[in-house]
Amino acid sequence: MHKVFGDMLSGNCYKIKLLMQFLGIQHEWIHVDILANETHTAEFKQMNPNTRIPVIELDGDKYLWESNAILNYFAEGTNFLPQERYERAKVLQWQFFEQYSHEPYIATARYINKYLGLPKERVAEYHAKQVGGHKALSLMDNHLAENQFFLGANATIADISLYAYTHVADEGGFDLSEYTNIRRWFQDFERIPGYLKMARENA
């Protein structure tokens, strides 16, 4: 059975949990507390020298890290990852967008506020993240005005990558009330069989 090392309140870890639920993949979830520096132990560094979650153990002696790499590994051969070359590249396009134009703003603002309690020394950084985050949300909302999911009528791992932090963006100070297409997308995404909410008791 696969072992997943992560925290269900982390969007990057939640991505993995969602795909495994959607595909019915049996796994053992092992909670890792990043605030207690559990990713910096010698044992953890053997699994991921970059000291980040999630990490997945494959076959007892192989490890894979970086959430979107793990998604691609498990989505191979399923409806969550198209086989056609262009469609597959578009999945990657949205996953790169998530990591470079979305997550650095929305996830970081959420981390500063929710995990760190908005300390004085990071208030300016927190507010600086809002512009970039809203730029990403606006781009997504415009795309979803003409598409049910990010690649059209079917959900893929592109949707999983973007849903994870977007649906809790309010915890980073982002008001989603104006993004009507994103909120409609939330409803459609949450109807996928196997969906579960972001909560540690679901681990």
N, C-alpha and C. Protein backbone atom coordinates (compact mmCIF):
# COMPACT_ATOMS: atom_id res chain seq x y z
N MET A 1 0.84 -1.20 0.00
CA MET A 1 0.00 0.00 0.00
C MET A 1 0.88 1.25 0.00
N HIS A 2 0.49 2.23 -0.79
CA HIS A 2 1.25 3.48 -0.85
C HIS A 2 1.14 4.23 0.47
N LYS A 3 2.22 4.89 0.85
CA LYS A 3 2.22 5.76 2.02
C LYS A 3 2.35 7.20 1.55
N VAL A 4 1.46 8.05 2.04
CA VAL A 4 1.50 9.47 1.71
C VAL A 4 1.87 10.25 2.96
N PHE A 5 2.92 11.04 2.86
CA PHE A 5 3.37 11.88 3.98
C PHE A 5 2.93 13.31 3.68
N GLY A 6 2.03 13.82 4.53
CA GLY A 6 1.53 15.16 4.26
C GLY A 6 0.63 15.69 5.35
N ASP A 7 0.01 16.82 5.05
CA ASP A 7 -0.92 17.50 5.96
C ASP A 7 -2.16 17.84 5.13
N MET A 8 -3.32 17.34 5.53
CA MET A 8 -4.53 17.54 4.76
C MET A 8 -4.95 19.00 4.65
N LEU A 9 -4.44 19.87 5.52
CA LEU A 9 -4.77 21.29 5.41
C LEU A 9 -3.85 22.03 4.45
N SER A 10 -2.86 21.32 3.93
CA SER A 10 -2.00 21.87 2.88
C SER A 10 -2.66 21.58 1.54
N GLY A 11 -2.83 22.60 0.72
CA GLY A 11 -3.44 22.39 -0.59
C GLY A 11 -2.66 21.42 -1.44
N ASN A 12 -1.34 21.48 -1.39
CA ASN A 12 -0.52 20.58 -2.20
C ASN A 12 -0.72 19.12 -1.79
N CYS A 13 -0.93 18.88 -0.52
CA CYS A 13 -1.19 17.52 -0.05
C CYS A 13 -2.63 17.11 -0.34
N TYR A 14 -3.53 18.03 -0.18
CA TYR A 14 -4.96 17.78 -0.44
C TYR A 14 -5.18 17.33 -1.89
N LYS A 15 -4.39 17.89 -2.80
CA LYS A 15 -4.47 17.47 -4.21
C LYS A 15 -4.33 15.95 -4.33
N ILE A 16 -3.34 15.41 -3.64
CA ILE A 16 -3.05 13.98 -3.74
C ILE A 16 -4.20 13.18 -3.14
N LYS A 17 -4.70 13.62 -2.01
CA LYS A 17 -5.82 12.94 -1.37
C LYS A 17 -7.03 12.91 -2.30
N LEU A 18 -7.33 14.04 -2.95
CA LEU A 18 -8.47 14.10 -3.85
C LEU A 18 -8.35 13.09 -4.98
N LEU A 19 -7.20 13.07 -5.66
CA LEU A 19 -7.06 12.15 -6.79
C LEU A 19 -7.17 10.70 -6.33
N MET A 20 -6.57 10.39 -5.20
CA MET A 20 -6.64 9.02 -4.70
C MET A 20 -8.08 8.63 -4.35
N GLN A 21 -8.83 9.58 -3.84
CA GLN A 21 -10.24 9.30 -3.55
C GLN A 21 -11.02 9.11 -4.85
N PHE A 22 -10.79 9.97 -5.82
CA PHE A 22 -11.50 9.87 -7.09
C PHE A 22 -11.21 8.54 -7.79
N LEU A 23 -9.98 8.06 -7.67
CA LEU A 23 -9.57 6.84 -8.37
C LEU A 23 -9.68 5.59 -7.49
N GLY A 24 -10.03 5.76 -6.22
CA GLY A 24 -10.16 4.61 -5.33
C GLY A 24 -8.84 3.92 -5.03
N ILE A 25 -7.77 4.70 -4.92
CA ILE A 25 -6.44 4.13 -4.66
C ILE A 25 -6.24 3.98 -3.15
N GLN A 26 -6.00 2.76 -2.72
CA GLN A 26 -5.76 2.50 -1.30
C GLN A 26 -4.42 3.11 -0.89
N HIS A 27 -4.38 3.71 0.29
CA HIS A 27 -3.15 4.34 0.76
C HIS A 27 -3.21 4.55 2.27
N GLU A 28 -2.04 4.75 2.83
CA GLU A 28 -1.92 5.10 4.25
C GLU A 28 -1.47 6.54 4.33
N TRP A 29 -2.20 7.36 5.08
CA TRP A 29 -1.86 8.78 5.21
C TRP A 29 -1.09 8.99 6.51
N ILE A 30 0.10 9.56 6.41
CA ILE A 30 0.94 9.82 7.58
C ILE A 30 1.09 11.32 7.75
N HIS A 31 0.53 11.84 8.84
CA HIS A 31 0.54 13.28 9.06
C HIS A 31 1.95 13.78 9.36
N VAL A 32 2.30 14.90 8.73
CA VAL A 32 3.60 15.55 8.95
C VAL A 32 3.33 16.99 9.36
N ASP A 33 3.88 17.40 10.47
CA ASP A 33 3.68 18.75 11.01
C ASP A 33 4.84 19.64 10.57
N ILE A 34 4.58 20.52 9.60
CA ILE A 34 5.66 21.37 9.10
C ILE A 34 6.07 22.43 10.12
N LEU A 35 5.13 22.86 10.96
CA LEU A 35 5.46 23.89 11.95
C LEU A 35 6.34 23.34 13.07
N ALA A 36 6.34 22.01 13.22
CA ALA A 36 7.23 21.36 14.20
C ALA A 36 8.52 20.88 13.54
N ASN A 37 8.76 21.37 12.32
CA ASN A 37 9.99 21.04 11.57
C ASN A 37 10.16 19.54 11.31
N GLU A 38 9.05 18.82 11.17
CA GLU A 38 9.15 17.38 10.94
C GLU A 38 9.65 17.05 9.54
N THR A 39 9.67 18.03 8.64
CA THR A 39 10.23 17.78 7.31
C THR A 39 11.75 17.97 7.29
N HIS A 40 12.32 18.35 8.43
CA HIS A 40 13.77 18.61 8.48
C HIS A 40 14.54 17.52 9.23
N THR A 41 13.86 16.45 9.55
CA THR A 41 14.56 15.34 10.21
C THR A 41 15.39 14.58 9.19
N ALA A 42 16.38 13.87 9.67
CA ALA A 42 17.24 13.08 8.77
C ALA A 42 16.42 12.04 8.02
N GLU A 43 15.44 11.45 8.72
CA GLU A 43 14.60 10.43 8.09
C GLU A 43 13.78 11.01 6.95
N PHE A 44 13.21 12.20 7.18
CA PHE A 44 12.39 12.80 6.13
C PHE A 44 13.26 13.23 4.95
N LYS A 45 14.44 13.76 5.23
CA LYS A 45 15.32 14.22 4.15
C LYS A 45 15.76 13.07 3.24
N GLN A 46 15.75 11.86 3.76
CA GLN A 46 16.06 10.71 2.90
C GLN A 46 14.96 10.50 1.88
N MET A 47 13.74 10.88 2.22
CA MET A 47 12.63 10.76 1.29
C MET A 47 12.56 11.96 0.35
N ASN A 48 12.78 13.15 0.89
CA ASN A 48 12.75 14.37 0.09
C ASN A 48 13.78 15.35 0.62
N PRO A 49 14.93 15.45 -0.04
CA PRO A 49 15.97 16.37 0.42
C PRO A 49 15.55 17.83 0.35
N ASN A 50 14.45 18.11 -0.36
CA ASN A 50 13.94 19.49 -0.45
C ASN A 50 13.05 19.84 0.74
N THR A 51 12.86 18.92 1.66
CA THR A 51 12.16 19.13 2.95
C THR A 51 10.77 19.72 2.80
N ARG A 52 10.01 19.20 1.85
CA ARG A 52 8.64 19.68 1.65
C ARG A 52 7.68 18.50 1.55
N ILE A 53 6.43 18.77 1.87
CA ILE A 53 5.35 17.80 1.67
C ILE A 53 4.51 18.27 0.48
N PRO A 54 3.85 17.31 -0.19
CA PRO A 54 3.73 15.88 0.10
C PRO A 54 4.89 15.06 -0.46
N VAL A 55 5.02 13.87 0.11
CA VAL A 55 5.93 12.84 -0.41
C VAL A 55 5.13 11.54 -0.43
N ILE A 56 5.33 10.74 -1.47
CA ILE A 56 4.68 9.44 -1.52
C ILE A 56 5.71 8.35 -1.65
N GLU A 57 5.52 7.30 -0.87
CA GLU A 57 6.39 6.13 -0.92
C GLU A 57 5.80 5.12 -1.90
N LEU A 58 6.60 4.74 -2.88
CA LEU A 58 6.18 3.78 -3.90
C LEU A 58 6.97 2.50 -3.74
N ASP A 59 6.28 1.40 -3.54
CA ASP A 59 6.93 0.08 -3.49
C ASP A 59 8.02 -0.03 -2.43
N GLY A 60 7.93 0.77 -1.38
CA GLY A 60 8.82 0.61 -0.24
C GLY A 60 10.19 1.22 -0.34
N ASP A 61 10.69 1.47 -1.55
CA ASP A 61 12.05 1.99 -1.64
C ASP A 61 12.19 3.13 -2.66
N LYS A 62 11.07 3.58 -3.23
CA LYS A 62 11.09 4.70 -4.17
C LYS A 62 10.16 5.78 -3.64
N TYR A 63 10.59 7.02 -3.80
CA TYR A 63 9.81 8.15 -3.31
C TYR A 63 9.60 9.15 -4.43
N LEU A 64 8.46 9.82 -4.37
CA LEU A 64 8.15 10.87 -5.34
C LEU A 64 7.64 12.08 -4.59
N TRP A 65 8.14 13.25 -4.96
CA TRP A 65 7.68 14.49 -4.33
C TRP A 65 7.37 15.52 -5.41
N GLU A 66 6.81 16.64 -5.00
CA GLU A 66 6.19 17.67 -5.83
C GLU A 66 4.79 17.20 -6.21
N SER A 67 3.80 17.93 -5.72
CA SER A 67 2.40 17.50 -5.83
C SER A 67 1.96 17.24 -7.27
N ASN A 68 2.33 18.11 -8.20
CA ASN A 68 1.85 17.93 -9.56
C ASN A 68 2.54 16.76 -10.26
N ALA A 69 3.76 16.45 -9.87
CA ALA A 69 4.42 15.25 -10.40
C ALA A 69 3.69 14.00 -9.91
N ILE A 70 3.30 14.00 -8.64
CA ILE A 70 2.57 12.86 -8.08
C ILE A 70 1.22 12.71 -8.77
N LEU A 71 0.53 13.82 -9.02
CA LEU A 71 -0.75 13.76 -9.73
C LEU A 71 -0.58 13.12 -11.10
N ASN A 72 0.44 13.54 -11.83
CA ASN A 72 0.66 12.98 -13.16
C ASN A 72 0.98 11.49 -13.10
N TYR A 73 1.72 11.08 -12.09
CA TYR A 73 2.07 9.67 -11.94
C TYR A 73 0.82 8.81 -11.78
N PHE A 74 -0.08 9.23 -10.89
CA PHE A 74 -1.26 8.41 -10.60
C PHE A 74 -2.38 8.58 -11.63
N ALA A 75 -2.39 9.71 -12.33
CA ALA A 75 -3.45 9.94 -13.32
C ALA A 75 -3.17 9.24 -14.65
N GLU A 76 -1.93 8.79 -14.84
CA GLU A 76 -1.57 8.11 -16.09
C GLU A 76 -2.55 6.97 -16.39
N GLY A 77 -3.11 7.00 -17.61
CA GLY A 77 -4.03 5.94 -18.03
C GLY A 77 -5.45 6.09 -17.52
N THR A 78 -5.76 7.22 -16.90
CA THR A 78 -7.12 7.46 -16.40
C THR A 78 -7.74 8.65 -17.13
N ASN A 79 -9.01 8.90 -16.88
CA ASN A 79 -9.70 10.03 -17.50
C ASN A 79 -9.24 11.37 -16.96
N PHE A 80 -8.47 11.36 -15.89
CA PHE A 80 -7.99 12.62 -15.32
C PHE A 80 -6.74 13.16 -16.03
N LEU A 81 -6.21 12.40 -16.98
CA LEU A 81 -5.06 12.86 -17.76
C LEU A 81 -5.24 12.44 -19.22
N PRO A 82 -5.58 13.38 -20.10
CA PRO A 82 -5.81 13.04 -21.50
C PRO A 82 -4.58 12.41 -22.16
N GLN A 83 -4.83 11.54 -23.11
CA GLN A 83 -3.74 10.89 -23.83
C GLN A 83 -3.31 11.70 -25.06
N GLU A 84 -4.23 12.47 -25.61
CA GLU A 84 -3.91 13.26 -26.80
C GLU A 84 -2.86 14.31 -26.45
N ARG A 85 -1.88 14.47 -27.32
CA ARG A 85 -0.69 15.27 -27.01
C ARG A 85 -1.00 16.71 -26.62
N TYR A 86 -1.82 17.39 -27.41
CA TYR A 86 -2.14 18.79 -27.14
C TYR A 86 -2.92 18.93 -25.84
N GLU A 87 -3.92 18.07 -25.64
CA GLU A 87 -4.72 18.14 -24.42
C GLU A 87 -3.87 17.87 -23.18
N ARG A 88 -2.94 16.93 -23.31
CA ARG A 88 -2.04 16.63 -22.20
C ARG A 88 -1.15 17.82 -21.88
N ALA A 89 -0.68 18.49 -22.93
CA ALA A 89 0.16 19.68 -22.73
C ALA A 89 -0.64 20.80 -22.06
N LYS A 90 -1.94 20.90 -22.37
CA LYS A 90 -2.76 21.92 -21.72
C LYS A 90 -2.94 21.64 -20.23
N VAL A 91 -3.01 20.36 -19.86
CA VAL A 91 -3.03 20.02 -18.43
C VAL A 91 -1.77 20.57 -17.76
N LEU A 92 -0.63 20.32 -18.38
CA LEU A 92 0.64 20.81 -17.83
C LEU A 92 0.68 22.33 -17.81
N GLN A 93 0.13 22.95 -18.85
CA GLN A 93 0.07 24.41 -18.91
C GLN A 93 -0.61 24.97 -17.67
N TRP A 94 -1.77 24.40 -17.30
CA TRP A 94 -2.50 24.90 -16.13
C TRP A 94 -1.78 24.54 -14.83
N GLN A 95 -1.10 23.41 -14.81
CA GLN A 95 -0.35 23.04 -13.60
C GLN A 95 0.86 23.95 -13.41
N PHE A 96 1.51 24.33 -14.49
CA PHE A 96 2.61 25.30 -14.36
C PHE A 96 2.07 26.66 -13.94
N PHE A 97 0.93 27.04 -14.50
CA PHE A 97 0.28 28.29 -14.09
C PHE A 97 0.00 28.27 -12.59
N GLU A 98 -0.52 27.15 -12.12
CA GLU A 98 -0.84 27.02 -10.69
C GLU A 98 0.41 27.23 -9.83
N GLN A 99 1.50 26.64 -10.23
CA GLN A 99 2.72 26.72 -9.42
C GLN A 99 3.44 28.06 -9.51
N TYR A 100 3.33 28.75 -10.65
CA TYR A 100 4.10 29.98 -10.85
C TYR A 100 3.28 31.26 -10.75
N SER A 101 1.99 31.20 -11.09
CA SER A 101 1.18 32.42 -11.13
C SER A 101 0.03 32.43 -10.13
N HIS A 102 -0.19 31.34 -9.44
CA HIS A 102 -1.34 31.19 -8.54
C HIS A 102 -0.87 30.88 -7.12
N GLU A 103 -0.23 29.75 -6.94
CA GLU A 103 0.19 29.28 -5.62
C GLU A 103 1.11 30.25 -4.87
N PRO A 104 2.08 30.90 -5.55
CA PRO A 104 2.96 31.83 -4.81
C PRO A 104 2.23 33.00 -4.16
N TYR A 105 1.06 33.33 -4.67
CA TYR A 105 0.28 34.43 -4.12
C TYR A 105 -0.82 33.92 -3.17
N ILE A 106 -1.67 33.07 -3.69
CA ILE A 106 -2.83 32.64 -2.91
C ILE A 106 -2.43 31.72 -1.76
N ALA A 107 -1.60 30.74 -2.03
CA ALA A 107 -1.19 29.81 -0.97
C ALA A 107 -0.30 30.50 0.06
N THR A 108 0.59 31.38 -0.41
CA THR A 108 1.48 32.06 0.53
C THR A 108 0.72 33.01 1.44
N ALA A 109 -0.23 33.75 0.88
CA ALA A 109 -1.05 34.64 1.72
C ALA A 109 -1.83 33.83 2.75
N ARG A 110 -2.37 32.69 2.33
CA ARG A 110 -3.10 31.82 3.26
C ARG A 110 -2.17 31.31 4.36
N TYR A 111 -0.96 30.91 4.00
CA TYR A 111 0.00 30.40 4.98
C TYR A 111 0.33 31.48 6.02
N ILE A 112 0.59 32.69 5.54
CA ILE A 112 0.94 33.79 6.45
C ILE A 112 -0.21 34.08 7.41
N ASN A 113 -1.42 34.03 6.90
CA ASN A 113 -2.59 34.35 7.72
C ASN A 113 -3.03 33.17 8.60
N LYS A 114 -3.24 32.01 7.97
CA LYS A 114 -3.84 30.87 8.69
C LYS A 114 -2.82 30.13 9.56
N TYR A 115 -1.65 29.88 9.05
CA TYR A 115 -0.66 29.10 9.79
C TYR A 115 0.18 29.96 10.75
N LEU A 116 0.54 31.15 10.29
CA LEU A 116 1.44 31.99 11.10
C LEU A 116 0.70 33.03 11.93
N GLY A 117 -0.59 33.23 11.64
CA GLY A 117 -1.36 34.20 12.42
C GLY A 117 -1.09 35.65 12.05
N LEU A 118 -0.69 35.90 10.81
CA LEU A 118 -0.42 37.24 10.28
C LEU A 118 0.50 38.05 11.21
N PRO A 119 1.74 37.59 11.39
CA PRO A 119 2.67 38.33 12.25
C PRO A 119 3.03 39.69 11.66
N LYS A 120 3.32 40.64 12.51
CA LYS A 120 3.58 42.02 12.08
C LYS A 120 4.64 42.11 11.00
N GLU A 121 5.68 41.28 11.14
CA GLU A 121 6.80 41.37 10.20
C GLU A 121 6.46 40.85 8.80
N ARG A 122 5.27 40.24 8.65
CA ARG A 122 4.89 39.72 7.33
C ARG A 122 3.59 40.33 6.81
N VAL A 123 3.08 41.36 7.48
CA VAL A 123 1.84 42.00 7.05
C VAL A 123 2.02 42.63 5.67
N ALA A 124 3.13 43.31 5.44
CA ALA A 124 3.36 43.96 4.14
C ALA A 124 3.43 42.91 3.03
N GLU A 125 4.10 41.82 3.29
CA GLU A 125 4.19 40.74 2.31
C GLU A 125 2.80 40.16 2.02
N TYR A 126 2.03 39.98 3.07
CA TYR A 126 0.67 39.45 2.93
C TYR A 126 -0.16 40.34 2.00
N HIS A 127 -0.12 41.63 2.22
CA HIS A 127 -0.90 42.55 1.37
C HIS A 127 -0.35 42.60 -0.05
N ALA A 128 0.96 42.45 -0.19
CA ALA A 128 1.57 42.48 -1.52
C ALA A 128 1.14 41.28 -2.37
N LYS A 129 0.75 40.19 -1.73
CA LYS A 129 0.33 38.98 -2.45
C LYS A 129 -1.06 39.13 -3.07
N GLN A 130 -1.83 40.09 -2.62
CA GLN A 130 -3.22 40.20 -3.06
C GLN A 130 -3.35 40.52 -4.55
N VAL A 131 -2.51 41.39 -5.06
CA VAL A 131 -2.60 41.79 -6.47
C VAL A 131 -2.37 40.59 -7.39
N GLY A 132 -1.29 39.87 -7.15
CA GLY A 132 -0.98 38.70 -7.97
C GLY A 132 -2.04 37.62 -7.87
N GLY A 133 -2.58 37.45 -6.66
CA GLY A 133 -3.62 36.45 -6.46
C GLY A 133 -4.88 36.79 -7.23
N HIS A 134 -5.28 38.03 -7.18
CA HIS A 134 -6.49 38.43 -7.91
C HIS A 134 -6.27 38.38 -9.43
N LYS A 135 -5.06 38.63 -9.87
CA LYS A 135 -4.77 38.49 -11.31
C LYS A 135 -5.00 37.05 -11.75
N ALA A 136 -4.50 36.09 -10.95
CA ALA A 136 -4.69 34.68 -11.26
C ALA A 136 -6.16 34.30 -11.22
N LEU A 137 -6.87 34.76 -10.22
CA LEU A 137 -8.29 34.43 -10.08
C LEU A 137 -9.11 35.01 -11.24
N SER A 138 -8.77 36.20 -11.67
CA SER A 138 -9.49 36.81 -12.80
C SER A 138 -9.27 36.03 -14.08
N LEU A 139 -8.04 35.60 -14.31
CA LEU A 139 -7.74 34.80 -15.50
C LEU A 139 -8.54 33.50 -15.47
N MET A 140 -8.56 32.85 -14.32
CA MET A 140 -9.31 31.61 -14.17
C MET A 140 -10.81 31.84 -14.40
N ASP A 141 -11.33 32.89 -13.81
CA ASP A 141 -12.77 33.16 -13.92
C ASP A 141 -13.16 33.41 -15.37
N ASN A 142 -12.33 34.14 -16.10
CA ASN A 142 -12.61 34.41 -17.51
C ASN A 142 -12.60 33.12 -18.32
N HIS A 143 -11.64 32.24 -18.03
CA HIS A 143 -11.55 30.97 -18.75
C HIS A 143 -12.78 30.11 -18.46
N LEU A 144 -13.20 30.09 -17.22
CA LEU A 144 -14.33 29.26 -16.82
C LEU A 144 -15.68 29.81 -17.28
N ALA A 145 -15.69 31.03 -17.79
CA ALA A 145 -16.92 31.57 -18.36
C ALA A 145 -17.34 30.78 -19.60
N GLU A 146 -16.37 30.14 -20.25
CA GLU A 146 -16.66 29.40 -21.48
C GLU A 146 -16.33 27.92 -21.37
N ASN A 147 -15.91 27.48 -20.21
CA ASN A 147 -15.53 26.08 -20.01
C ASN A 147 -16.06 25.57 -18.68
N GLN A 148 -16.65 24.39 -18.68
CA GLN A 148 -17.15 23.83 -17.42
C GLN A 148 -15.99 23.52 -16.48
N PHE A 149 -14.95 22.86 -17.03
CA PHE A 149 -13.72 22.60 -16.31
C PHE A 149 -12.58 23.21 -17.11
N PHE A 150 -11.36 23.07 -16.65
CA PHE A 150 -10.27 23.78 -17.31
C PHE A 150 -9.93 23.25 -18.69
N LEU A 151 -10.26 22.00 -18.98
CA LEU A 151 -10.07 21.48 -20.32
C LEU A 151 -11.40 21.20 -21.02
N GLY A 152 -12.45 21.83 -20.56
CA GLY A 152 -13.73 21.65 -21.21
C GLY A 152 -14.74 20.95 -20.33
N ALA A 153 -15.32 19.86 -20.86
CA ALA A 153 -16.44 19.21 -20.19
C ALA A 153 -16.04 18.19 -19.14
N ASN A 154 -14.76 17.83 -19.09
CA ASN A 154 -14.32 16.78 -18.16
C ASN A 154 -13.24 17.29 -17.21
N ALA A 155 -13.36 16.93 -15.95
CA ALA A 155 -12.36 17.32 -14.96
C ALA A 155 -11.07 16.53 -15.18
N THR A 156 -9.95 17.19 -14.99
CA THR A 156 -8.63 16.56 -15.09
C THR A 156 -7.81 16.95 -13.86
N ILE A 157 -6.58 16.49 -13.82
CA ILE A 157 -5.72 16.89 -12.71
C ILE A 157 -5.38 18.38 -12.75
N ALA A 158 -5.64 19.05 -13.88
CA ALA A 158 -5.50 20.51 -13.90
C ALA A 158 -6.49 21.14 -12.94
N ASP A 159 -7.71 20.60 -12.94
CA ASP A 159 -8.74 21.11 -12.02
C ASP A 159 -8.38 20.81 -10.57
N ILE A 160 -7.85 19.62 -10.32
CA ILE A 160 -7.45 19.26 -8.96
C ILE A 160 -6.36 20.21 -8.48
N SER A 161 -5.37 20.47 -9.33
CA SER A 161 -4.27 21.37 -8.96
C SER A 161 -4.78 22.76 -8.59
N LEU A 162 -5.73 23.26 -9.37
CA LEU A 162 -6.21 24.62 -9.14
C LEU A 162 -7.27 24.72 -8.05
N TYR A 163 -8.05 23.68 -7.89
CA TYR A 163 -9.10 23.70 -6.87
C TYR A 163 -8.52 23.78 -5.46
N ALA A 164 -7.44 23.06 -5.22
CA ALA A 164 -6.93 22.85 -3.86
C ALA A 164 -6.76 24.16 -3.09
N TYR A 165 -6.05 25.12 -3.66
CA TYR A 165 -5.85 26.38 -2.95
C TYR A 165 -6.91 27.43 -3.27
N THR A 166 -7.54 27.32 -4.46
CA THR A 166 -8.55 28.32 -4.81
C THR A 166 -9.75 28.26 -3.88
N HIS A 167 -10.20 27.06 -3.52
CA HIS A 167 -11.43 26.96 -2.73
C HIS A 167 -11.25 27.43 -1.28
N VAL A 168 -9.99 27.63 -0.86
CA VAL A 168 -9.74 28.19 0.47
C VAL A 168 -9.02 29.54 0.36
N ALA A 169 -9.14 30.17 -0.79
CA ALA A 169 -8.45 31.46 -1.01
C ALA A 169 -8.92 32.53 -0.04
N ASP A 170 -10.16 32.41 0.45
CA ASP A 170 -10.66 33.38 1.43
C ASP A 170 -9.82 33.39 2.70
N GLU A 171 -9.18 32.25 3.00
CA GLU A 171 -8.33 32.18 4.20
C GLU A 171 -7.03 32.97 4.01
N GLY A 172 -6.79 33.39 2.78
CA GLY A 172 -5.65 34.27 2.49
C GLY A 172 -6.09 35.68 2.19
N GLY A 173 -7.35 35.99 2.48
CA GLY A 173 -7.85 37.35 2.31
C GLY A 173 -8.47 37.64 0.96
N PHE A 174 -8.68 36.63 0.13
CA PHE A 174 -9.24 36.85 -1.20
C PHE A 174 -10.76 36.66 -1.18
N ASP A 175 -11.47 37.71 -1.53
CA ASP A 175 -12.93 37.66 -1.58
C ASP A 175 -13.34 37.05 -2.93
N LEU A 176 -14.00 35.89 -2.88
CA LEU A 176 -14.36 35.18 -4.11
C LEU A 176 -15.77 35.51 -4.59
N SER A 177 -16.47 36.40 -3.91
CA SER A 177 -17.87 36.66 -4.24
C SER A 177 -18.06 37.20 -5.65
N GLU A 178 -17.06 37.89 -6.18
CA GLU A 178 -17.18 38.48 -7.53
C GLU A 178 -16.86 37.47 -8.62
N TYR A 179 -16.26 36.36 -8.25
CA TYR A 179 -15.82 35.38 -9.25
C TYR A 179 -16.90 34.31 -9.43
N THR A 180 -17.93 34.68 -10.16
CA THR A 180 -19.11 33.80 -10.27
C THR A 180 -18.79 32.50 -11.00
N ASN A 181 -17.91 32.54 -11.98
CA ASN A 181 -17.59 31.32 -12.74
C ASN A 181 -16.75 30.36 -11.90
N ILE A 182 -15.87 30.90 -11.08
CA ILE A 182 -15.09 30.05 -10.17
C ILE A 182 -16.02 29.38 -9.17
N ARG A 183 -16.98 30.13 -8.64
CA ARG A 183 -17.89 29.54 -7.65
C ARG A 183 -18.79 28.48 -8.28
N ARG A 184 -19.17 28.66 -9.53
CA ARG A 184 -19.92 27.62 -10.25
C ARG A 184 -19.05 26.39 -10.46
N TRP A 185 -17.79 26.61 -10.81
CA TRP A 185 -16.82 25.51 -10.99
C TRP A 185 -16.65 24.73 -9.69
N PHE A 186 -16.60 25.41 -8.56
CA PHE A 186 -16.53 24.72 -7.27
C PHE A 186 -17.67 23.70 -7.17
N GLN A 187 -18.87 24.13 -7.49
CA GLN A 187 -20.04 23.26 -7.36
C GLN A 187 -19.92 22.03 -8.27
N ASP A 188 -19.48 22.25 -9.49
CA ASP A 188 -19.31 21.13 -10.42
C ASP A 188 -18.21 20.19 -9.96
N PHE A 189 -17.11 20.75 -9.49
CA PHE A 189 -15.99 19.93 -9.03
C PHE A 189 -16.41 19.08 -7.83
N GLU A 190 -17.15 19.65 -6.93
CA GLU A 190 -17.54 18.96 -5.70
C GLU A 190 -18.59 17.88 -5.92
N ARG A 191 -19.09 17.77 -7.15
CA ARG A 191 -20.01 16.69 -7.51
C ARG A 191 -19.28 15.45 -8.04
N ILE A 192 -17.97 15.54 -8.21
CA ILE A 192 -17.22 14.39 -8.71
C ILE A 192 -17.30 13.28 -7.67
N PRO A 193 -17.68 12.06 -8.07
CA PRO A 193 -17.76 10.95 -7.11
C PRO A 193 -16.44 10.72 -6.37
N GLY A 194 -16.53 10.65 -5.05
CA GLY A 194 -15.34 10.46 -4.23
C GLY A 194 -14.84 11.74 -3.60
N TYR A 195 -15.42 12.89 -3.98
CA TYR A 195 -14.97 14.16 -3.43
C TYR A 195 -15.06 14.16 -1.90
N LEU A 196 -14.05 14.76 -1.27
CA LEU A 196 -14.13 14.99 0.17
C LEU A 196 -13.55 16.35 0.50
N LYS A 197 -14.02 16.91 1.59
CA LYS A 197 -13.59 18.24 2.00
C LYS A 197 -12.18 18.21 2.58
N MET A 198 -11.55 19.36 2.58
CA MET A 198 -10.24 19.52 3.19
C MET A 198 -10.40 19.53 4.71
N ALA A 199 -9.99 18.47 5.36
CA ALA A 199 -10.10 18.36 6.82
C ALA A 199 -9.17 17.27 7.30
N ARG A 200 -8.51 17.47 8.41
CA ARG A 200 -7.55 16.47 8.89
C ARG A 200 -8.22 15.14 9.25
N GLU A 201 -9.51 15.18 9.65
CA GLU A 201 -10.17 13.92 10.01
C GLU A 201 -10.41 13.05 8.78
N ASN A 202 -10.22 13.61 7.58
CA ASN A 202 -10.37 12.83 6.36
C ASN A 202 -9.08 12.11 5.96
N ALA A 203 -8.00 12.36 6.67
CA ALA A 203 -6.71 11.77 6.30
C ALA A 203 -6.72 10.28 6.55
